[in-house]
Amino acid sequence: VQGTFRAVNPSQRSEDLYIHVSVERSATYTLISRAGRSVDRTNWKLIVVTDRVPPIHFFKDSSVWLTANLSDGRQNRAYEEITQTLGALFRDYDKNVAPQMHYLQPVMVSLKVTVDHVYSFDLAEQSLHSLLTLETSWSDRRLAWYPTKQRSFRLNNISVWEPSVYFVNGLSAVESAAEPAIRLEYSGNLNKYQKLSLKTFCPTEKDQYSFSCPFMLKTYPLPSTQERLRVTDFEVNEKFQSHQWNAEVNTNETRIYNEDPIVLVIDLELK
């Protein structure tokens, strides 16, 4: 599906651009100029659109880029609800302020941690290089709304307050192995999904063939807020494969409730 629309940039220069719509389970829009080049959508504001495509809106200041579900010709109303809802939610939102429900009460942060892969284990360095999936969940009632159709959004390029979780026994900066994704539900609950590549300290002794390696998680001690961590799930990925190691969760040493820091332990055994 294709259409054309007239767009203007901040300098008031106008240009006819094509909009290419790819429809699968959702709609994805790409802006293309007459010369065939891709156009940075954040530099343009939509003012007229043909009736062949649903109306869309670009917000230059917040760089909001949204995807709406399409169903039975109702895409126009879906986009209207998305833009109106997000406009209202983020009009006065301050990402630097924690979403505390009650005065001096900590923000409850839930974690799900999955060990996906072991890249390497260095006995001399006492380090474990691994790949984790980290799902972080918390609630921010400032971002709740009453849904009519749209019950959740994936937030792309929208900044929200996030928990300050870090690895106490990390030996280097944590690297993102995939683009993080944050989903906002109408109740104000947020879920952030991350793939993390990291090195952590693992105590070792010579002539060992099995090792218990911890992941120690904590939140930064910020003066403006308190956060309480809890782990709802910790596991080794069922598709975990290694030519060198067997890996399983050490349930005896894993401490996930009311601990500071939280300690998650996996056992590694040479094959």
C-alpha atoms as a PDB file:
ATOM      1  CA  VAL A   1       0.000   0.000   0.000  1.00  0.00           C
ATOM      2  CA  GLN A   2       1.380   3.433  -0.891  1.00  0.00           C
ATOM      3  CA  GLY A   3       0.197   7.012  -0.662  1.00  0.00           C
ATOM      4  CA  THR A   4       1.571  10.546  -0.781  1.00  0.00           C
ATOM      5  CA  PHE A   5       1.345  13.439   1.599  1.00  0.00           C
ATOM      6  CA  ARG A   6       2.581  16.977   1.949  1.00  0.00           C
ATOM      7  CA  ALA A   7       5.037  17.524   4.778  1.00  0.00           C
ATOM      8  CA  VAL A   8       6.890  20.535   6.125  1.00  0.00           C
ATOM      9  CA  ASN A   9      10.040  20.766   8.179  1.00  0.00           C
ATOM     10  CA  PRO A  10      10.884  23.490  10.748  1.00  0.00           C
ATOM     11  CA  SER A  11      12.338  25.727   8.008  1.00  0.00           C
ATOM     12  CA  GLN A  12       8.905  25.658   6.309  1.00  0.00           C
ATOM     13  CA  ARG A  13      10.334  23.984   3.206  1.00  0.00           C
ATOM     14  CA  SER A  14       7.694  21.627   1.858  1.00  0.00           C
ATOM     15  CA  GLU A  15       8.105  18.529  -0.227  1.00  0.00           C
ATOM     16  CA  ASP A  16       5.904  15.749  -1.527  1.00  0.00           C
ATOM     17  CA  LEU A  17       6.946  12.522   0.172  1.00  0.00           C
ATOM     18  CA  TYR A  18       5.755   8.989  -0.390  1.00  0.00           C
ATOM     19  CA  ILE A  19       4.644   6.862   2.505  1.00  0.00           C
ATOM     20  CA  HIS A  20       5.153   3.131   2.182  1.00  0.00           C
ATOM     21  CA  VAL A  21       2.949   1.021   4.442  1.00  0.00           C
ATOM     22  CA  SER A  22       3.885  -2.557   5.243  1.00  0.00           C
ATOM     23  CA  VAL A  23       0.975  -4.460   6.789  1.00  0.00           C
ATOM     24  CA  GLU A  24       1.429  -7.730   8.609  1.00  0.00           C
ATOM     25  CA  ARG A  25       0.159  -7.882  12.172  1.00  0.00           C
ATOM     26  CA  SER A  26       0.868  -4.171  12.429  1.00  0.00           C
ATOM     27  CA  ALA A  27       1.688  -1.228  10.181  1.00  0.00           C
ATOM     28  CA  THR A  28       5.176   0.138   9.641  1.00  0.00           C
ATOM     29  CA  TYR A  29       5.696   3.444   7.863  1.00  0.00           C
ATOM     30  CA  THR A  30       8.748   4.538   5.894  1.00  0.00           C
ATOM     31  CA  LEU A  31       9.143   8.027   4.430  1.00  0.00           C
ATOM     32  CA  ILE A  32      10.720   8.195   0.967  1.00  0.00           C
ATOM     33  CA  SER A  33      11.387  11.326  -1.089  1.00  0.00           C
ATOM     34  CA  ARG A  34      10.820  11.654  -4.823  1.00  0.00           C
ATOM     35  CA  ALA A  35      14.537  11.051  -5.290  1.00  0.00           C
ATOM     36  CA  GLY A  36      14.127   7.688  -3.586  1.00  0.00           C
ATOM     37  CA  ARG A  37      16.075   8.553  -0.460  1.00  0.00           C
ATOM     38  CA  SER A  38      14.876   7.626   3.008  1.00  0.00           C
ATOM     39  CA  VAL A  39      13.776  10.610   5.087  1.00  0.00           C
ATOM     40  CA  ASP A  40      14.408  11.137   8.792  1.00  0.00           C
ATOM     41  CA  ARG A  41      10.866  11.151  10.097  1.00  0.00           C
ATOM     42  CA  THR A  42      11.703  13.212  13.209  1.00  0.00           C
ATOM     43  CA  ASN A  43      12.457  16.255  11.009  1.00  0.00           C
ATOM     44  CA  TRP A  44       9.005  16.377   9.454  1.00  0.00           C
ATOM     45  CA  LYS A  45       5.509  17.152  10.600  1.00  0.00           C
ATOM     46  CA  LEU A  46       2.540  15.672   8.769  1.00  0.00           C
ATOM     47  CA  ILE A  47      -0.078  18.193   7.630  1.00  0.00           C
ATOM     48  CA  VAL A  48      -2.032  16.451   4.842  1.00  0.00           C
ATOM     49  CA  VAL A  49      -2.461  12.758   4.106  1.00  0.00           C
ATOM     50  CA  THR A  50      -4.347  10.886   1.403  1.00  0.00           C
ATOM     51  CA  ASP A  51      -7.329   8.784   2.361  1.00  0.00           C
ATOM     52  CA  ARG A  52      -5.518   5.646   1.219  1.00  0.00           C
ATOM     53  CA  VAL A  53      -3.550   5.398   4.448  1.00  0.00           C
ATOM     54  CA  PRO A  54      -4.449   6.007   8.100  1.00  0.00           C
ATOM     55  CA  PRO A  55      -3.490   9.391   9.568  1.00  0.00           C
ATOM     56  CA  ILE A  56      -0.227   9.349  11.474  1.00  0.00           C
ATOM     57  CA  HIS A  57       1.483  11.950  13.602  1.00  0.00           C
ATOM     58  CA  PHE A  58       5.136  12.729  14.195  1.00  0.00           C
ATOM     59  CA  PHE A  59       6.278  14.567  17.317  1.00  0.00           C
ATOM     60  CA  LYS A  60       9.665  16.142  16.676  1.00  0.00           C
ATOM     61  CA  ASP A  61      10.320  17.184  20.289  1.00  0.00           C
ATOM     62  CA  SER A  62       9.860  13.754  21.848  1.00  0.00           C
ATOM     63  CA  SER A  63      10.816  11.695  18.778  1.00  0.00           C
ATOM     64  CA  VAL A  64       7.810   9.448  19.246  1.00  0.00           C
ATOM     65  CA  TRP A  65       7.440   6.657  16.662  1.00  0.00           C
ATOM     66  CA  LEU A  66       4.462   4.382  17.156  1.00  0.00           C
ATOM     67  CA  THR A  67       3.082   1.181  15.691  1.00  0.00           C
ATOM     68  CA  ALA A  68      -0.654   0.501  15.940  1.00  0.00           C
ATOM     69  CA  ASN A  69      -2.484  -2.751  15.407  1.00  0.00           C
ATOM     70  CA  LEU A  70      -4.667  -2.882  12.279  1.00  0.00           C
ATOM     71  CA  SER A  71      -8.003  -4.672  12.339  1.00  0.00           C
ATOM     72  CA  ASP A  72     -11.138  -4.535  10.154  1.00  0.00           C
ATOM     73  CA  GLY A  73     -10.523  -1.002   8.896  1.00  0.00           C
ATOM     74  CA  ARG A  74     -10.318   0.455  12.406  1.00  0.00           C
ATOM     75  CA  GLN A  75      -6.730   1.695  12.088  1.00  0.00           C
ATOM     76  CA  ASN A  76      -7.787   5.365  12.041  1.00  0.00           C
ATOM     77  CA  ARG A  77      -9.399   5.121  15.458  1.00  0.00           C
ATOM     78  CA  ALA A  78      -6.452   3.111  16.780  1.00  0.00           C
ATOM     79  CA  TYR A  79      -4.008   5.836  15.789  1.00  0.00           C
ATOM     80  CA  GLU A  80      -6.229   8.532  17.227  1.00  0.00           C
ATOM     81  CA  GLU A  81      -6.356   6.689  20.538  1.00  0.00           C
ATOM     82  CA  ILE A  82      -2.593   6.149  20.580  1.00  0.00           C
ATOM     83  CA  THR A  83      -1.695   9.763  19.902  1.00  0.00           C
ATOM     84  CA  GLN A  84      -4.309  11.158  22.269  1.00  0.00           C
ATOM     85  CA  THR A  85      -3.402   8.751  25.065  1.00  0.00           C
ATOM     86  CA  LEU A  86       0.345   9.254  24.845  1.00  0.00           C
ATOM     87  CA  GLY A  87      -0.075  12.995  24.490  1.00  0.00           C
ATOM     88  CA  ALA A  88      -2.054  13.113  27.739  1.00  0.00           C
ATOM     89  CA  LEU A  89       0.211  10.704  29.638  1.00  0.00           C
ATOM     90  CA  PHE A  90       3.502  12.409  28.816  1.00  0.00           C
ATOM     91  CA  ARG A  91       2.394  16.048  28.761  1.00  0.00           C
ATOM     92  CA  ASP A  92       3.587  16.718  32.327  1.00  0.00           C
ATOM     93  CA  TYR A  93       5.521  13.505  32.948  1.00  0.00           C
ATOM     94  CA  ASP A  94       8.912  13.817  34.669  1.00  0.00           C
ATOM     95  CA  LYS A  95      11.148  10.786  34.152  1.00  0.00           C
ATOM     96  CA  ASN A  96      13.461  11.995  36.941  1.00  0.00           C
ATOM     97  CA  VAL A  97      10.764  11.537  39.586  1.00  0.00           C
ATOM     98  CA  ALA A  98      10.195   8.038  40.943  1.00  0.00           C
ATOM     99  CA  PRO A  99       6.642   6.624  40.798  1.00  0.00           C
ATOM    100  CA  GLN A 100       6.145   6.247  44.539  1.00  0.00           C
ATOM    101  CA  MET A 101       2.627   5.224  45.459  1.00  0.00           C
ATOM    102  CA  HIS A 102       2.900   6.348  49.077  1.00  0.00           C
ATOM    103  CA  TYR A 103       5.239   8.746  50.816  1.00  0.00           C
ATOM    104  CA  LEU A 104       8.599   7.148  51.673  1.00  0.00           C
ATOM    105  CA  GLN A 105       7.456   3.743  50.423  1.00  0.00           C
ATOM    106  CA  PRO A 106       9.937   1.928  48.145  1.00  0.00           C
ATOM    107  CA  VAL A 107       9.223   1.163  44.518  1.00  0.00           C
ATOM    108  CA  MET A 108       8.731  -2.575  44.092  1.00  0.00           C
ATOM    109  CA  VAL A 109      10.849  -3.934  41.247  1.00  0.00           C
ATOM    110  CA  SER A 110      10.409  -7.510  40.005  1.00  0.00           C
ATOM    111  CA  LEU A 111      13.082  -9.330  38.033  1.00  0.00           C
ATOM    112  CA  LYS A 112      13.096 -12.427  35.864  1.00  0.00           C
ATOM    113  CA  VAL A 113      16.583 -13.636  35.008  1.00  0.00           C
ATOM    114  CA  THR A 114      17.469 -16.333  32.486  1.00  0.00           C
ATOM    115  CA  VAL A 115      20.987 -17.589  31.773  1.00  0.00           C
ATOM    116  CA  ASP A 116      21.033 -18.094  28.010  1.00  0.00           C
ATOM    117  CA  HIS A 117      24.670 -18.826  27.254  1.00  0.00           C
ATOM    118  CA  VAL A 118      28.175 -19.068  28.716  1.00  0.00           C
ATOM    119  CA  TYR A 119      30.707 -17.495  26.378  1.00  0.00           C
ATOM    120  CA  SER A 120      33.767 -18.273  28.466  1.00  0.00           C
ATOM    121  CA  PHE A 121      35.053 -19.016  31.949  1.00  0.00           C
ATOM    122  CA  ASP A 122      38.521 -17.798  32.937  1.00  0.00           C
ATOM    123  CA  LEU A 123      39.944 -19.701  35.903  1.00  0.00           C
ATOM    124  CA  ALA A 124      42.945 -17.412  36.385  1.00  0.00           C
ATOM    125  CA  GLU A 125      40.935 -14.213  36.003  1.00  0.00           C
ATOM    126  CA  GLN A 126      38.063 -15.647  38.057  1.00  0.00           C
ATOM    127  CA  SER A 127      35.552 -14.324  35.583  1.00  0.00           C
ATOM    128  CA  LEU A 128      32.424 -15.646  33.909  1.00  0.00           C
ATOM    129  CA  HIS A 129      31.337 -14.155  30.572  1.00  0.00           C
ATOM    130  CA  SER A 130      27.673 -14.925  29.987  1.00  0.00           C
ATOM    131  CA  LEU A 131      24.517 -13.880  28.162  1.00  0.00           C
ATOM    132  CA  LEU A 132      21.418 -13.144  30.241  1.00  0.00           C
ATOM    133  CA  THR A 133      17.825 -12.249  29.533  1.00  0.00           C
ATOM    134  CA  LEU A 134      16.643  -9.719  32.109  1.00  0.00           C
ATOM    135  CA  GLU A 135      12.971  -8.801  32.401  1.00  0.00           C
ATOM    136  CA  THR A 136      12.342  -5.897  34.773  1.00  0.00           C
ATOM    137  CA  SER A 137       8.815  -5.004  35.899  1.00  0.00           C
ATOM    138  CA  TRP A 138       7.524  -2.075  37.939  1.00  0.00           C
ATOM    139  CA  SER A 139       4.447   0.126  38.237  1.00  0.00           C
ATOM    140  CA  ASP A 140       4.066   3.827  37.454  1.00  0.00           C
ATOM    141  CA  ARG A 141       0.472   4.933  38.095  1.00  0.00           C
ATOM    142  CA  ARG A 142       1.140   8.271  36.404  1.00  0.00           C
ATOM    143  CA  LEU A 143       1.097   6.323  33.132  1.00  0.00           C
ATOM    144  CA  ALA A 144      -2.206   4.505  33.685  1.00  0.00           C
ATOM    145  CA  TRP A 145      -5.240   5.168  31.481  1.00  0.00           C
ATOM    146  CA  TYR A 146      -8.717   3.820  30.856  1.00  0.00           C
ATOM    147  CA  PRO A 147      -8.498   1.784  27.644  1.00  0.00           C
ATOM    148  CA  THR A 148     -11.135   1.749  24.939  1.00  0.00           C
ATOM    149  CA  LYS A 149      -9.238  -0.330  22.373  1.00  0.00           C
ATOM    150  CA  GLN A 150      -5.510  -0.030  22.936  1.00  0.00           C
ATOM    151  CA  ARG A 151      -4.502  -1.840  26.135  1.00  0.00           C
ATOM    152  CA  SER A 152      -0.724  -1.578  25.798  1.00  0.00           C
ATOM    153  CA  PHE A 153       2.019   0.234  23.901  1.00  0.00           C
ATOM    154  CA  ARG A 154       5.571  -0.559  23.028  1.00  0.00           C
ATOM    155  CA  LEU A 155       7.513   2.594  23.885  1.00  0.00           C
ATOM    156  CA  ASN A 156      10.054   3.468  21.210  1.00  0.00           C
ATOM    157  CA  ASN A 157      12.343   6.426  21.909  1.00  0.00           C
ATOM    158  CA  ILE A 158      10.197   7.566  24.828  1.00  0.00           C
ATOM    159  CA  SER A 159      12.038   8.074  28.106  1.00  0.00           C
ATOM    160  CA  VAL A 160      10.400   6.912  31.329  1.00  0.00           C
ATOM    161  CA  TRP A 161      11.618   6.503  34.880  1.00  0.00           C
ATOM    162  CA  GLU A 162      13.443   3.179  35.205  1.00  0.00           C
ATOM    163  CA  PRO A 163      14.805   1.197  38.164  1.00  0.00           C
ATOM    164  CA  SER A 164      18.534   1.586  38.776  1.00  0.00           C
ATOM    165  CA  VAL A 165      19.483  -2.103  38.797  1.00  0.00           C
ATOM    166  CA  TYR A 166      23.156  -3.045  38.459  1.00  0.00           C
ATOM    167  CA  PHE A 167      25.442  -6.050  38.992  1.00  0.00           C
ATOM    168  CA  VAL A 168      27.520  -5.673  42.144  1.00  0.00           C
ATOM    169  CA  ASN A 169      30.093  -8.258  41.050  1.00  0.00           C
ATOM    170  CA  GLY A 170      30.364  -7.011  37.472  1.00  0.00           C
ATOM    171  CA  LEU A 171      33.940  -6.829  36.166  1.00  0.00           C
ATOM    172  CA  SER A 172      33.244  -4.621  33.145  1.00  0.00           C
ATOM    173  CA  ALA A 173      30.501  -2.530  31.624  1.00  0.00           C
ATOM    174  CA  VAL A 174      27.361  -4.464  30.760  1.00  0.00           C
ATOM    175  CA  GLU A 175      26.743  -4.591  27.007  1.00  0.00           C
ATOM    176  CA  SER A 176      23.350  -4.804  25.384  1.00  0.00           C
ATOM    177  CA  ALA A 177      23.149  -7.770  23.012  1.00  0.00           C
ATOM    178  CA  ALA A 178      19.832  -6.567  21.562  1.00  0.00           C
ATOM    179  CA  GLU A 179      17.768  -3.389  21.511  1.00  0.00           C
ATOM    180  CA  PRO A 180      15.920  -3.101  24.859  1.00  0.00           C
ATOM    181  CA  ALA A 181      12.129  -3.081  24.641  1.00  0.00           C
ATOM    182  CA  ILE A 182       9.698  -1.474  27.085  1.00  0.00           C
ATOM    183  CA  ARG A 183       5.986  -2.258  27.050  1.00  0.00           C
ATOM    184  CA  LEU A 184       3.495  -0.061  28.903  1.00  0.00           C
ATOM    185  CA  GLU A 185       0.153  -1.541  29.968  1.00  0.00           C
ATOM    186  CA  TYR A 186      -3.004   0.470  30.624  1.00  0.00           C
ATOM    187  CA  SER A 187      -2.709  -0.287  34.361  1.00  0.00           C
ATOM    188  CA  GLY A 188       0.581   1.626  34.495  1.00  0.00           C
ATOM    189  CA  ASN A 189       2.674  -1.542  34.699  1.00  0.00           C
ATOM    190  CA  LEU A 190       5.887  -1.473  32.688  1.00  0.00           C
ATOM    191  CA  ASN A 191       7.989  -4.403  31.480  1.00  0.00           C
ATOM    192  CA  LYS A 192      11.492  -3.935  30.131  1.00  0.00           C
ATOM    193  CA  TYR A 193      13.151  -6.765  28.195  1.00  0.00           C
ATOM    194  CA  GLN A 194      16.931  -6.861  27.793  1.00  0.00           C
ATOM    195  CA  LYS A 195      19.596  -9.208  26.452  1.00  0.00           C
ATOM    196  CA  LEU A 196      22.792  -8.536  28.392  1.00  0.00           C
ATOM    197  CA  SER A 197      26.351  -9.641  27.764  1.00  0.00           C
ATOM    198  CA  LEU A 198      28.429  -9.279  30.920  1.00  0.00           C
ATOM    199  CA  LYS A 199      31.479 -10.415  32.841  1.00  0.00           C
ATOM    200  CA  THR A 200      31.044 -11.208  36.526  1.00  0.00           C
ATOM    201  CA  PHE A 201      33.421 -12.261  39.275  1.00  0.00           C
ATOM    202  CA  CYS A 202      33.296 -15.969  40.141  1.00  0.00           C
ATOM    203  CA  PRO A 203      35.448 -17.278  43.031  1.00  0.00           C
ATOM    204  CA  THR A 204      37.558 -20.279  42.048  1.00  0.00           C
ATOM    205  CA  GLU A 205      40.189 -22.634  43.401  1.00  0.00           C
ATOM    206  CA  LYS A 206      42.812 -24.637  41.568  1.00  0.00           C
ATOM    207  CA  ASP A 207      42.043 -28.162  40.411  1.00  0.00           C
ATOM    208  CA  GLN A 208      38.298 -27.636  40.573  1.00  0.00           C
ATOM    209  CA  TYR A 209      35.980 -29.169  38.012  1.00  0.00           C
ATOM    210  CA  SER A 210      32.788 -27.467  39.152  1.00  0.00           C
ATOM    211  CA  PHE A 211      32.127 -23.873  40.144  1.00  0.00           C
ATOM    212  CA  SER A 212      29.340 -21.903  41.793  1.00  0.00           C
ATOM    213  CA  CYS A 213      29.110 -18.516  40.100  1.00  0.00           C
ATOM    214  CA  PRO A 214      26.926 -15.730  41.528  1.00  0.00           C
ATOM    215  CA  PHE A 215      25.078 -12.870  39.883  1.00  0.00           C
ATOM    216  CA  MET A 216      24.659 -10.160  42.510  1.00  0.00           C
ATOM    217  CA  LEU A 217      22.044  -7.479  41.810  1.00  0.00           C
ATOM    218  CA  LYS A 218      21.348  -4.259  43.643  1.00  0.00           C
ATOM    219  CA  THR A 219      19.923  -0.768  43.096  1.00  0.00           C
ATOM    220  CA  TYR A 220      21.853   2.483  43.291  1.00  0.00           C
ATOM    221  CA  PRO A 221      21.350   4.281  46.641  1.00  0.00           C
ATOM    222  CA  LEU A 222      19.638   7.382  45.273  1.00  0.00           C
ATOM    223  CA  PRO A 223      18.542  10.034  47.795  1.00  0.00           C
ATOM    224  CA  SER A 224      15.238  10.698  46.031  1.00  0.00           C
ATOM    225  CA  THR A 225      13.851   7.184  46.062  1.00  0.00           C
ATOM    226  CA  GLN A 226      14.162   3.671  47.400  1.00  0.00           C
ATOM    227  CA  GLU A 227      13.702   0.544  45.354  1.00  0.00           C
ATOM    228  CA  ARG A 228      13.087  -2.944  46.637  1.00  0.00           C
ATOM    229  CA  LEU A 229      14.132  -5.810  44.402  1.00  0.00           C
ATOM    230  CA  ARG A 230      12.597  -9.232  44.210  1.00  0.00           C
ATOM    231  CA  VAL A 231      13.261 -12.027  41.742  1.00  0.00           C
ATOM    232  CA  THR A 232      10.179 -13.895  40.605  1.00  0.00           C
ATOM    233  CA  ASP A 233      12.033 -16.327  38.360  1.00  0.00           C
ATOM    234  CA  PHE A 234      15.641 -17.432  37.887  1.00  0.00           C
ATOM    235  CA  GLU A 235      16.513 -20.227  35.501  1.00  0.00           C
ATOM    236  CA  VAL A 236      18.926 -21.605  32.961  1.00  0.00           C
ATOM    237  CA  ASN A 237      17.446 -21.433  29.477  1.00  0.00           C
ATOM    238  CA  GLU A 238      16.021 -24.819  28.488  1.00  0.00           C
ATOM    239  CA  LYS A 239      17.827 -24.397  25.153  1.00  0.00           C
ATOM    240  CA  PHE A 240      21.175 -23.773  26.854  1.00  0.00           C
ATOM    241  CA  GLN A 241      23.951 -25.521  24.937  1.00  0.00           C
ATOM    242  CA  SER A 242      27.653 -25.717  25.638  1.00  0.00           C
ATOM    243  CA  HIS A 243      30.345 -28.126  24.490  1.00  0.00           C
ATOM    244  CA  GLN A 244      32.255 -27.451  27.695  1.00  0.00           C
ATOM    245  CA  TRP A 245      29.811 -26.821  30.539  1.00  0.00           C
ATOM    246  CA  ASN A 246      26.739 -28.213  32.216  1.00  0.00           C
ATOM    247  CA  ALA A 247      24.805 -25.430  33.945  1.00  0.00           C
ATOM    248  CA  GLU A 248      21.989 -25.436  36.471  1.00  0.00           C
ATOM    249  CA  VAL A 249      20.566 -23.140  39.136  1.00  0.00           C
ATOM    250  CA  ASN A 250      21.974 -23.586  42.638  1.00  0.00           C
ATOM    251  CA  THR A 251      18.790 -23.356  44.687  1.00  0.00           C
ATOM    252  CA  ASN A 252      20.596 -23.669  48.034  1.00  0.00           C
ATOM    253  CA  GLU A 253      22.741 -20.573  47.577  1.00  0.00           C
ATOM    254  CA  THR A 254      20.328 -18.465  45.536  1.00  0.00           C
ATOM    255  CA  ARG A 255      18.754 -15.783  47.739  1.00  0.00           C
ATOM    256  CA  ILE A 256      16.040 -13.761  46.060  1.00  0.00           C
ATOM    257  CA  TYR A 257      13.879 -12.237  48.814  1.00  0.00           C
ATOM    258  CA  ASN A 258      14.713  -9.325  51.118  1.00  0.00           C
ATOM    259  CA  GLU A 259      18.410  -9.558  50.370  1.00  0.00           C
ATOM    260  CA  ASP A 260      20.830  -6.716  49.737  1.00  0.00           C
ATOM    261  CA  PRO A 261      22.189  -7.537  47.281  1.00  0.00           C
ATOM    262  CA  ILE A 262      20.084 -10.268  45.722  1.00  0.00           C
ATOM    263  CA  VAL A 263      22.281 -13.270  44.954  1.00  0.00           C
ATOM    264  CA  LEU A 264      21.563 -15.650  42.073  1.00  0.00           C
ATOM    265  CA  VAL A 265      23.889 -18.630  41.709  1.00  0.00           C
ATOM    266  CA  ILE A 266      24.466 -21.102  38.894  1.00  0.00           C
ATOM    267  CA  ASP A 267      26.595 -24.228  39.110  1.00  0.00           C
ATOM    268  CA  LEU A 268      28.981 -24.901  36.232  1.00  0.00           C
ATOM    269  CA  GLU A 269      30.486 -28.337  35.786  1.00  0.00           C
ATOM    270  CA  LEU A 270      33.011 -29.384  33.166  1.00  0.00           C
ATOM    271  CA  LYS A 271      31.721 -32.034  30.792  1.00  0.00           C
END
